[in-house]
N, C-alpha and C. Protein backbone atom coordinates (compact mmCIF):
# COMPACT_ATOMS: atom_id res chain seq x y z
N MET A 1 96.58 93.83 217.42
CA MET A 1 97.16 92.44 216.27
C MET A 1 98.70 92.35 216.38
N LYS A 2 99.31 91.83 216.03
CA LYS A 2 100.71 91.60 215.37
C LYS A 2 100.96 91.75 214.29
N ILE A 3 101.95 92.14 213.60
CA ILE A 3 102.25 91.66 212.23
C ILE A 3 102.68 90.45 211.64
N VAL A 4 101.80 90.12 211.11
CA VAL A 4 102.23 88.24 210.52
C VAL A 4 102.11 88.23 209.05
N LYS A 5 101.94 87.29 208.69
CA LYS A 5 101.83 86.80 207.23
C LYS A 5 100.37 86.82 207.07
N ASN A 6 100.10 87.68 206.02
CA ASN A 6 98.44 88.08 205.95
C ASN A 6 97.95 89.26 206.21
N SER A 7 98.68 89.84 206.99
CA SER A 7 97.93 90.85 207.87
C SER A 7 98.17 92.38 206.78
N VAL A 8 97.28 93.40 206.95
CA VAL A 8 97.52 94.43 205.90
C VAL A 8 97.87 95.34 207.12
N VAL A 9 98.94 96.20 206.85
CA VAL A 9 99.86 97.07 207.79
C VAL A 9 99.28 98.21 207.01
N THR A 10 99.31 99.43 207.60
CA THR A 10 99.29 100.60 207.08
C THR A 10 100.38 101.51 208.27
N ALA A 11 101.13 101.95 207.78
CA ALA A 11 102.23 102.52 208.12
C ALA A 11 102.45 104.63 207.63
N ARG A 12 102.84 105.26 208.55
CA ARG A 12 103.81 106.38 208.23
C ARG A 12 105.06 106.30 207.78
N TYR A 13 105.82 107.44 206.67
CA TYR A 13 107.38 107.03 207.11
C TYR A 13 107.43 108.01 206.15
N THR A 14 108.75 108.25 206.66
CA THR A 14 109.60 109.47 205.92
C THR A 14 111.24 109.00 205.02
N LEU A 15 111.10 109.42 204.02
CA LEU A 15 112.57 108.90 203.04
C LEU A 15 113.14 109.57 203.41
N LYS A 16 114.42 109.00 203.74
CA LYS A 16 115.97 109.86 203.41
C LYS A 16 117.08 109.03 203.18
N ASP A 17 117.99 109.97 202.43
CA ASP A 17 118.93 109.32 202.32
C ASP A 17 120.04 108.95 203.19
N ALA A 18 121.43 108.31 203.15
CA ALA A 18 122.40 108.20 204.57
C ALA A 18 122.82 109.10 205.18
N GLN A 19 122.89 110.75 204.57
CA GLN A 19 123.46 111.33 204.90
C GLN A 19 122.32 112.54 205.79
N ASP A 20 120.94 111.57 205.34
CA ASP A 20 119.90 112.54 206.22
C ASP A 20 119.01 113.53 204.96
N ASN A 21 119.63 113.78 204.19
CA ASN A 21 118.91 114.21 203.91
C ASN A 21 117.59 113.63 203.39
N LEU A 22 115.97 114.28 203.35
CA LEU A 22 115.36 114.25 202.88
C LEU A 22 114.59 113.87 201.57
N ILE A 23 114.26 112.46 201.20
CA ILE A 23 113.93 112.57 199.41
C ILE A 23 111.96 112.30 199.22
N GLU A 24 111.66 111.87 200.66
CA GLU A 24 110.23 112.19 200.09
C GLU A 24 109.44 111.75 201.59
N GLU A 25 108.35 112.84 201.91
CA GLU A 25 107.51 112.14 203.51
C GLU A 25 106.25 111.95 202.63
N GLY A 26 106.06 110.59 203.40
CA GLY A 26 104.79 110.31 202.69
C GLY A 26 103.37 111.29 203.14
N GLN A 27 102.68 111.94 202.14
CA GLN A 27 101.50 112.09 202.51
C GLN A 27 100.33 111.59 202.80
N GLU A 28 100.55 110.26 202.17
CA GLU A 28 99.01 109.21 203.02
C GLU A 28 100.32 108.55 203.08
N PRO A 29 99.34 107.44 204.17
CA PRO A 29 100.15 106.18 204.50
C PRO A 29 100.78 105.58 203.59
N MET A 30 101.92 104.31 203.13
CA MET A 30 101.34 103.39 202.66
C MET A 30 100.93 102.14 203.29
N VAL A 31 100.49 101.25 202.29
CA VAL A 31 99.40 100.18 203.27
C VAL A 31 99.84 99.09 202.14
N TYR A 32 100.40 98.05 203.20
CA TYR A 32 100.50 96.65 202.00
C TYR A 32 100.72 95.68 202.84
N LEU A 33 100.20 94.36 201.89
CA LEU A 33 99.68 93.13 202.56
C LEU A 33 101.59 92.48 203.16
N HIS A 34 101.64 92.29 203.78
CA HIS A 34 102.82 91.66 204.84
C HIS A 34 102.31 90.17 204.38
N GLY A 35 103.83 89.47 204.34
CA GLY A 35 103.79 88.10 204.13
C GLY A 35 104.84 87.53 202.82
N GLY A 36 105.59 88.17 202.28
CA GLY A 36 106.54 88.09 201.11
C GLY A 36 105.67 88.36 199.82
N TYR A 37 104.78 89.25 199.59
CA TYR A 37 103.89 89.27 198.47
C TYR A 37 104.41 90.47 197.37
N ASP A 38 106.01 90.68 198.40
CA ASP A 38 106.58 91.86 197.27
C ASP A 38 106.25 92.99 196.79
N ASN A 39 105.46 93.37 198.07
CA ASN A 39 104.76 94.71 197.79
C ASN A 39 105.36 95.69 198.77
N ILE A 40 106.49 95.22 199.64
CA ILE A 40 107.65 96.18 200.24
C ILE A 40 108.65 95.76 200.19
N PHE A 41 109.80 96.37 200.68
CA PHE A 41 111.06 95.28 200.40
C PHE A 41 111.63 94.77 201.28
N PRO A 42 111.94 93.44 201.03
CA PRO A 42 111.91 92.12 202.38
C PRO A 42 112.81 92.62 203.65
N LYS A 43 113.54 93.52 203.54
CA LYS A 43 114.20 94.70 204.80
C LYS A 43 113.53 94.80 205.74
N ILE A 44 112.10 95.68 205.25
CA ILE A 44 111.35 96.34 205.57
C ILE A 44 110.24 95.57 206.31
N GLU A 45 109.97 94.38 205.60
CA GLU A 45 108.85 93.45 206.44
C GLU A 45 109.62 92.49 207.36
N GLU A 46 110.74 92.50 207.17
CA GLU A 46 111.51 91.62 208.23
C GLU A 46 111.60 92.38 209.47
N ALA A 47 111.93 93.89 209.52
CA ALA A 47 112.06 94.86 210.54
C ALA A 47 110.64 94.58 211.22
N LEU A 48 109.36 94.27 210.68
CA LEU A 48 108.30 94.36 211.21
C LEU A 48 107.34 93.81 211.68
N GLU A 49 107.78 92.73 211.37
CA GLU A 49 107.53 91.11 211.78
C GLU A 49 107.10 91.27 213.09
N GLY A 50 106.20 90.80 213.56
CA GLY A 50 105.76 90.76 215.18
C GLY A 50 105.10 91.66 215.82
N LYS A 51 105.60 92.91 215.04
CA LYS A 51 105.36 94.50 215.69
C LYS A 51 103.70 94.64 215.30
N GLU A 52 103.56 95.73 216.56
CA GLU A 52 102.26 96.01 216.49
C GLU A 52 101.79 97.84 215.99
N ALA A 53 100.73 97.86 216.17
CA ALA A 53 100.14 99.46 215.65
C ALA A 53 101.22 100.42 217.34
N GLY A 54 101.55 101.36 216.49
CA GLY A 54 102.32 102.14 217.38
C GLY A 54 103.79 101.87 217.56
N PHE A 55 104.49 101.05 216.95
CA PHE A 55 105.58 100.13 216.66
C PHE A 55 106.37 101.25 215.47
N SER A 56 107.34 102.24 216.36
CA SER A 56 108.26 102.99 215.26
C SER A 56 110.07 102.54 215.52
N THR A 57 110.47 102.70 214.41
CA THR A 57 111.92 102.42 213.66
C THR A 57 112.38 103.05 212.77
N ILE A 58 113.61 103.40 212.98
CA ILE A 58 114.37 103.36 211.54
C ILE A 58 115.51 101.86 210.58
N ILE A 59 115.05 102.18 209.89
CA ILE A 59 115.60 100.92 208.54
C ILE A 59 116.36 101.61 207.68
N GLN A 60 117.76 101.23 207.85
CA GLN A 60 118.68 101.42 206.66
C GLN A 60 118.75 100.13 205.87
N LEU A 61 118.78 100.82 204.56
CA LEU A 61 118.76 99.91 203.29
C LEU A 61 119.70 99.86 202.71
N ASN A 62 120.64 99.53 202.29
CA ASN A 62 121.71 99.21 201.42
C ASN A 62 121.13 99.36 199.63
N PRO A 63 122.05 99.69 199.04
CA PRO A 63 121.40 99.45 197.65
C PRO A 63 121.11 97.99 197.36
N GLU A 64 121.51 96.91 197.78
CA GLU A 64 121.14 95.91 197.31
C GLU A 64 120.10 95.37 197.69
N ASP A 65 119.41 96.27 198.43
CA ASP A 65 118.43 96.05 199.97
C ASP A 65 117.42 96.67 199.24
N ALA A 66 117.65 97.69 198.50
CA ALA A 66 116.57 98.60 197.78
C ALA A 66 116.34 98.56 196.27
N PHE A 67 116.91 99.57 196.08
CA PHE A 67 116.81 99.83 194.08
C PHE A 67 118.09 99.21 193.51
N GLY A 68 119.28 98.53 193.97
CA GLY A 68 120.09 98.21 193.22
C GLY A 68 121.28 99.45 193.07
N ASP A 69 122.47 98.64 192.74
CA ASP A 69 123.33 99.27 192.12
C ASP A 69 123.30 100.18 190.71
N TYR A 70 123.62 100.89 190.93
CA TYR A 70 123.98 102.13 189.79
C TYR A 70 124.21 101.30 188.59
N ASP A 71 124.07 101.24 187.71
CA ASP A 71 124.36 100.40 186.43
C ASP A 71 124.28 101.30 185.38
N ALA A 72 125.73 101.42 185.03
CA ALA A 72 126.37 102.69 184.03
C ALA A 72 125.55 101.95 182.39
N ALA A 73 125.99 100.80 182.53
CA ALA A 73 125.60 99.99 181.24
C ALA A 73 123.87 100.47 180.76
N LEU A 74 122.98 100.96 181.38
CA LEU A 74 121.71 101.20 181.60
C LEU A 74 121.48 103.24 180.98
N VAL A 75 122.21 103.70 180.55
CA VAL A 75 122.71 104.69 180.29
C VAL A 75 123.14 104.92 178.48
N LYS A 76 121.93 105.28 178.13
CA LYS A 76 122.19 105.00 176.15
C LYS A 76 121.62 106.65 176.02
N VAL A 77 122.82 106.73 175.19
CA VAL A 77 122.53 108.11 173.58
C VAL A 77 121.61 107.15 172.85
N GLU A 78 121.15 108.24 172.14
CA GLU A 78 120.27 107.75 171.44
C GLU A 78 119.94 109.35 170.33
N PRO A 79 119.35 108.91 169.23
CA PRO A 79 119.63 109.80 167.81
C PRO A 79 118.20 110.58 168.53
N ARG A 80 117.82 111.92 168.46
CA ARG A 80 116.97 112.83 168.63
C ARG A 80 115.99 112.52 167.56
N ASN A 81 116.16 112.41 166.70
CA ASN A 81 115.22 111.79 165.75
C ASN A 81 113.77 110.88 166.13
N ARG A 82 114.30 109.88 166.92
CA ARG A 82 114.12 108.90 167.31
C ARG A 82 112.50 109.21 168.56
N PHE A 83 112.46 110.53 168.73
CA PHE A 83 111.68 111.24 170.04
C PHE A 83 110.90 112.05 169.76
N PRO A 84 109.85 112.14 169.97
CA PRO A 84 108.75 113.11 169.67
C PRO A 84 108.55 114.53 170.00
N SER A 85 108.58 115.75 169.51
CA SER A 85 108.32 117.01 170.16
C SER A 85 107.27 117.65 170.64
N PRO A 86 107.08 117.89 171.71
CA PRO A 86 108.46 118.38 172.31
C PRO A 86 108.92 117.46 173.38
N LEU A 87 110.30 117.60 173.53
CA LEU A 87 110.97 116.55 174.50
C LEU A 87 112.04 117.66 175.46
N GLU A 88 111.44 116.95 176.93
CA GLU A 88 112.29 117.56 177.90
C GLU A 88 112.71 117.06 178.74
N VAL A 89 114.37 117.20 179.46
CA VAL A 89 114.52 116.37 180.60
C VAL A 89 113.08 115.82 181.24
N GLY A 90 113.73 115.00 182.14
CA GLY A 90 112.78 114.42 182.77
C GLY A 90 111.87 113.54 182.30
N MET A 91 111.22 113.63 181.01
CA MET A 91 110.58 113.14 180.12
C MET A 91 110.81 111.60 180.10
N GLN A 92 109.74 110.53 180.63
CA GLN A 92 110.01 108.80 180.85
C GLN A 92 109.04 108.39 179.33
N PHE A 93 110.50 107.20 178.78
CA PHE A 93 109.84 106.26 177.77
C PHE A 93 110.29 104.46 178.61
N GLU A 94 109.05 104.48 177.59
CA GLU A 94 109.48 102.62 178.67
C GLU A 94 110.34 101.94 176.97
N GLY A 95 111.25 101.10 177.18
CA GLY A 95 111.85 100.18 176.29
C GLY A 95 112.65 99.47 176.87
N MET A 96 113.17 98.29 175.83
CA MET A 96 113.84 96.97 176.03
C MET A 96 115.33 97.46 176.60
N PRO A 97 115.98 97.02 177.38
CA PRO A 97 117.12 97.27 177.45
C PRO A 97 118.09 96.24 176.47
N GLU A 98 118.98 96.60 175.71
CA GLU A 98 119.94 95.76 174.86
C GLU A 98 120.76 94.92 175.73
N GLU A 99 120.56 93.93 174.87
CA GLU A 99 121.65 93.19 175.23
C GLU A 99 121.22 92.36 176.66
N THR A 100 119.99 92.08 177.02
CA THR A 100 119.67 91.33 178.48
C THR A 100 118.70 90.16 178.52
N GLU A 101 119.13 89.10 179.09
CA GLU A 101 118.32 88.21 178.90
C GLU A 101 117.03 87.72 179.94
N GLU A 102 116.33 89.51 179.92
CA GLU A 102 115.26 89.01 180.38
C GLU A 102 114.71 90.12 179.53
N ASP A 103 113.35 89.90 179.47
CA ASP A 103 112.03 90.41 178.62
C ASP A 103 111.64 91.72 179.69
N GLU A 104 111.63 92.48 180.35
CA GLU A 104 110.91 93.18 181.01
C GLU A 104 111.65 94.18 180.58
N ALA A 105 110.67 95.79 180.18
CA ALA A 105 111.03 96.89 179.86
C ALA A 105 111.31 97.62 180.71
N LEU A 106 112.22 98.33 180.53
CA LEU A 106 112.39 99.44 181.60
C LEU A 106 111.80 100.76 181.47
N ILE A 107 111.61 101.91 182.55
CA ILE A 107 111.60 103.14 181.92
C ILE A 107 112.68 104.02 181.61
N PHE A 108 112.77 104.60 180.91
CA PHE A 108 114.14 105.08 180.62
C PHE A 108 113.87 106.86 181.11
N THR A 109 114.68 107.60 181.45
CA THR A 109 114.24 108.47 182.04
C THR A 109 115.15 109.35 180.98
N VAL A 110 114.85 110.61 180.31
CA VAL A 110 115.26 111.65 179.55
C VAL A 110 116.66 112.26 180.46
N THR A 111 117.46 112.17 180.34
CA THR A 111 118.35 113.57 181.47
C THR A 111 119.33 114.49 180.45
N ASP A 112 119.10 114.13 179.58
CA ASP A 112 119.84 115.40 178.59
C ASP A 112 119.90 115.40 177.26
N ILE A 113 119.44 116.81 176.60
CA ILE A 113 119.42 116.81 175.49
C ILE A 113 120.37 118.06 174.27
N ALA A 114 120.80 117.31 173.92
CA ALA A 114 122.40 117.94 173.23
C ALA A 114 122.24 117.86 171.81
N GLU A 115 121.66 118.88 171.18
CA GLU A 115 121.66 119.03 169.35
C GLU A 115 120.68 117.70 168.77
N ASP A 116 121.73 116.89 168.06
CA ASP A 116 120.91 115.83 168.00
C ASP A 116 121.29 114.32 168.80
N LYS A 117 121.15 114.59 169.90
CA LYS A 117 121.26 113.23 170.57
C LYS A 117 120.73 113.64 172.24
N VAL A 118 120.14 112.44 172.51
CA VAL A 118 119.20 112.12 173.71
C VAL A 118 119.81 111.25 175.02
N VAL A 119 120.08 111.54 175.82
CA VAL A 119 120.48 110.89 176.38
C VAL A 119 119.47 110.13 177.72
N LEU A 120 119.58 108.75 177.89
CA LEU A 120 118.71 108.10 178.74
C LEU A 120 118.90 107.45 179.55
N ASP A 121 118.51 107.19 180.71
CA ASP A 121 118.80 106.53 182.14
C ASP A 121 117.72 105.68 182.29
N GLY A 122 117.89 104.11 182.06
CA GLY A 122 117.40 103.38 182.66
C GLY A 122 117.63 102.73 183.86
N ASN A 123 118.00 103.48 184.71
CA ASN A 123 118.43 102.87 186.41
C ASN A 123 117.17 103.95 187.35
N HIS A 124 117.06 103.17 188.24
CA HIS A 124 115.71 103.79 189.29
C HIS A 124 116.35 105.12 189.71
N PRO A 125 115.81 106.22 189.70
CA PRO A 125 116.21 107.35 190.60
C PRO A 125 117.25 106.92 191.40
N LEU A 126 116.36 106.08 192.65
CA LEU A 126 117.32 106.19 193.58
C LEU A 126 118.22 105.05 193.74
N ALA A 127 118.59 104.24 192.78
CA ALA A 127 119.47 103.23 192.53
C ALA A 127 121.16 103.75 192.76
N GLY A 128 121.80 103.19 193.57
CA GLY A 128 122.98 103.10 194.55
C GLY A 128 123.17 104.22 195.43
N ILE A 129 122.00 104.05 195.84
CA ILE A 129 121.74 105.09 196.94
C ILE A 129 121.58 104.26 198.27
N ALA A 130 122.14 104.21 199.61
CA ALA A 130 121.48 104.11 200.80
C ALA A 130 120.42 104.75 201.33
N LEU A 131 118.93 103.98 201.66
CA LEU A 131 118.34 104.86 202.22
C LEU A 131 117.38 104.09 203.85
N ARG A 132 117.49 105.85 204.24
CA ARG A 132 116.70 105.10 205.63
C ARG A 132 115.30 105.73 205.99
N PHE A 133 114.28 104.62 206.32
CA PHE A 133 113.25 104.74 206.12
C PHE A 133 112.74 104.84 207.73
N SER A 134 112.00 105.80 207.68
CA SER A 134 111.76 106.21 209.54
C SER A 134 110.11 105.98 209.56
N LEU A 135 109.53 104.69 210.09
CA LEU A 135 108.23 104.60 209.75
C LEU A 135 107.58 104.28 211.55
N THR A 136 106.28 104.52 211.34
CA THR A 136 105.10 104.60 212.31
C THR A 136 104.24 104.04 211.98
N VAL A 137 103.91 102.34 212.48
CA VAL A 137 102.60 101.53 212.49
C VAL A 137 101.78 102.04 212.89
N GLU A 138 100.62 102.72 212.37
CA GLU A 138 99.76 103.21 212.59
C GLU A 138 98.25 101.97 212.89
N SER A 139 98.62 101.03 212.03
CA SER A 139 97.14 99.86 212.25
C SER A 139 97.45 98.46 211.87
N VAL A 140 96.81 97.83 212.00
CA VAL A 140 97.34 96.39 211.60
C VAL A 140 95.91 95.80 211.43
N ARG A 141 95.86 94.99 210.19
CA ARG A 141 94.25 94.35 210.83
C ARG A 141 94.65 92.91 209.62
N GLU A 142 94.11 91.87 209.85
CA GLU A 142 93.86 90.72 209.22
C GLU A 142 93.42 91.01 207.62
N ALA A 143 93.99 90.47 206.53
CA ALA A 143 93.43 90.45 205.16
C ALA A 143 92.70 89.34 204.96
N SER A 144 91.58 90.37 204.05
CA SER A 144 90.67 89.26 203.55
C SER A 144 91.09 88.01 202.91
N ASP A 145 90.08 87.25 202.14
CA ASP A 145 90.30 86.19 201.44
C ASP A 145 90.59 86.73 200.21
N GLU A 146 90.38 87.67 199.15
CA GLU A 146 90.19 88.24 198.38
C GLU A 146 91.66 88.79 197.80
N GLU A 147 91.81 89.23 199.58
CA GLU A 147 93.39 90.59 199.24
C GLU A 147 94.17 89.11 198.98
N VAL A 148 94.27 88.29 199.82
CA VAL A 148 95.11 87.06 199.68
C VAL A 148 95.59 86.53 198.82
N ALA A 149 94.14 86.41 198.24
CA ALA A 149 94.47 85.63 196.55
C ALA A 149 94.77 86.36 195.83
N HIS A 150 94.64 88.27 195.85
CA HIS A 150 95.20 88.71 194.52
C HIS A 150 96.55 89.47 195.18
N GLY A 151 97.01 88.97 196.39
CA GLY A 151 98.38 89.38 196.68
C GLY A 151 98.53 91.01 196.77
N HIS A 152 97.74 91.73 197.51
CA HIS A 152 97.38 92.99 197.39
C HIS A 152 96.18 93.84 198.45
N VAL A 153 96.23 94.69 199.06
CA VAL A 153 95.61 94.97 199.59
C VAL A 153 94.24 95.87 198.57
N HIS A 154 93.00 95.56 199.07
CA HIS A 154 91.76 96.51 198.51
C HIS A 154 91.49 97.26 199.23
N GLY A 155 90.68 98.27 198.25
CA GLY A 155 89.78 98.98 199.78
C GLY A 155 90.68 100.77 199.79
N ALA A 156 90.25 101.08 201.46
CA ALA A 156 90.84 102.80 201.04
C ALA A 156 92.53 102.22 201.18
N HIS A 157 93.56 103.38 200.09
CA HIS A 157 94.28 103.09 199.89
C HIS A 157 94.90 102.07 199.30
N GLY A 158 94.08 100.72 198.61
CA GLY A 158 94.59 99.83 197.99
C GLY A 158 93.90 99.44 196.45
N HIS A 159 94.03 98.20 196.06
CA HIS A 159 93.66 98.14 194.73
C HIS A 159 92.12 98.21 194.61
N HIS A 160 92.08 98.16 193.65
CA HIS A 160 90.44 98.12 193.38
C HIS A 160 90.40 97.44 191.84
N ASP A 161 89.21 96.03 192.04
CA ASP A 161 89.21 94.96 191.08
C ASP A 161 88.04 95.17 190.19
N ASP A 162 86.83 95.88 191.32
CA ASP A 162 85.80 95.77 191.03
C ASP A 162 85.97 96.81 189.86
N GLU A 163 85.20 96.22 188.70
CA GLU A 163 85.00 97.42 187.66
C GLU A 163 83.88 98.60 187.51
N ASP A 164 83.05 98.41 188.75
CA ASP A 164 81.96 99.80 188.34
C ASP A 164 82.49 100.86 189.18
N ASP A 165 83.52 100.83 189.78
CA ASP A 165 84.18 101.64 190.64
C ASP A 165 84.84 102.69 190.08
N GLY A 166 85.09 102.57 188.96
CA GLY A 166 85.61 103.82 188.00
C GLY A 166 87.08 103.93 187.97
N MET A 167 87.56 102.97 188.96
CA MET A 167 89.13 102.80 189.02
C MET A 167 89.96 101.68 189.25
N SER A 168 88.97 100.66 188.36
CA SER A 168 89.59 99.33 188.41
C SER A 168 91.36 98.92 187.91
N ASP A 169 91.64 99.94 187.06
CA ASP A 169 92.87 99.38 186.87
C ASP A 169 94.02 100.59 187.66
N GLU A 170 93.99 101.41 188.50
CA GLU A 170 94.38 102.45 189.05
C GLU A 170 94.86 101.65 190.46
N TYR A 171 96.22 101.59 190.55
CA TYR A 171 97.03 100.57 191.49
C TYR A 171 96.59 102.14 192.80
N ARG A 172 95.99 102.12 193.60
CA ARG A 172 95.72 103.04 194.87
C ARG A 172 97.24 102.86 195.88
N SER A 173 97.74 101.62 196.39
CA SER A 173 98.46 101.77 197.62
C SER A 173 99.70 102.81 197.04
N HIS A 174 100.07 103.36 198.46
CA HIS A 174 101.63 104.31 197.98
C HIS A 174 102.36 103.50 198.31
N GLN A 175 102.79 103.13 197.58
CA GLN A 175 104.31 102.25 197.74
C GLN A 175 105.18 102.67 197.52
N ILE A 176 106.26 102.75 198.43
CA ILE A 176 107.81 103.26 198.43
C ILE A 176 108.30 103.13 197.10
N HIS A 177 108.27 103.72 196.28
CA HIS A 177 108.98 103.48 194.85
C HIS A 177 109.43 102.27 194.34
């Protein structure tokens, strides 16, 4: 079966930066609903359109095609007393960016702690980086009507909407950051 709108694609992947440094090697395959559902980067979807199981490729994404350019305005310095103890570099907090038109909260990562100040970065860790995805399509199947209606994959490595399975709110697809 060819990869077309409303097909479920299972692919193995390796993610590297433009200098060929390994960022992530997917332990589980990524599984996504193909066809403009924002489950994967559009350039990857475009490269896989019409392909079949067994297809392999390397796709380079510039920052604007992936996680965007690094935005220095998303780096904040806040008073230490606004945070819980213990506090460690790498901890993440949800917050609203100042002076934006968007109402969407960002995840801020603690990047430095100095005496009475905490440095937070609201950029995605891969913002500003050109990425290379090595992909091999393992399988392609037709999506169920329910998957199409919900806009994501259900079942193995997918999202479960069934309250009785104990995992109703857990997103189980292995998305690429």
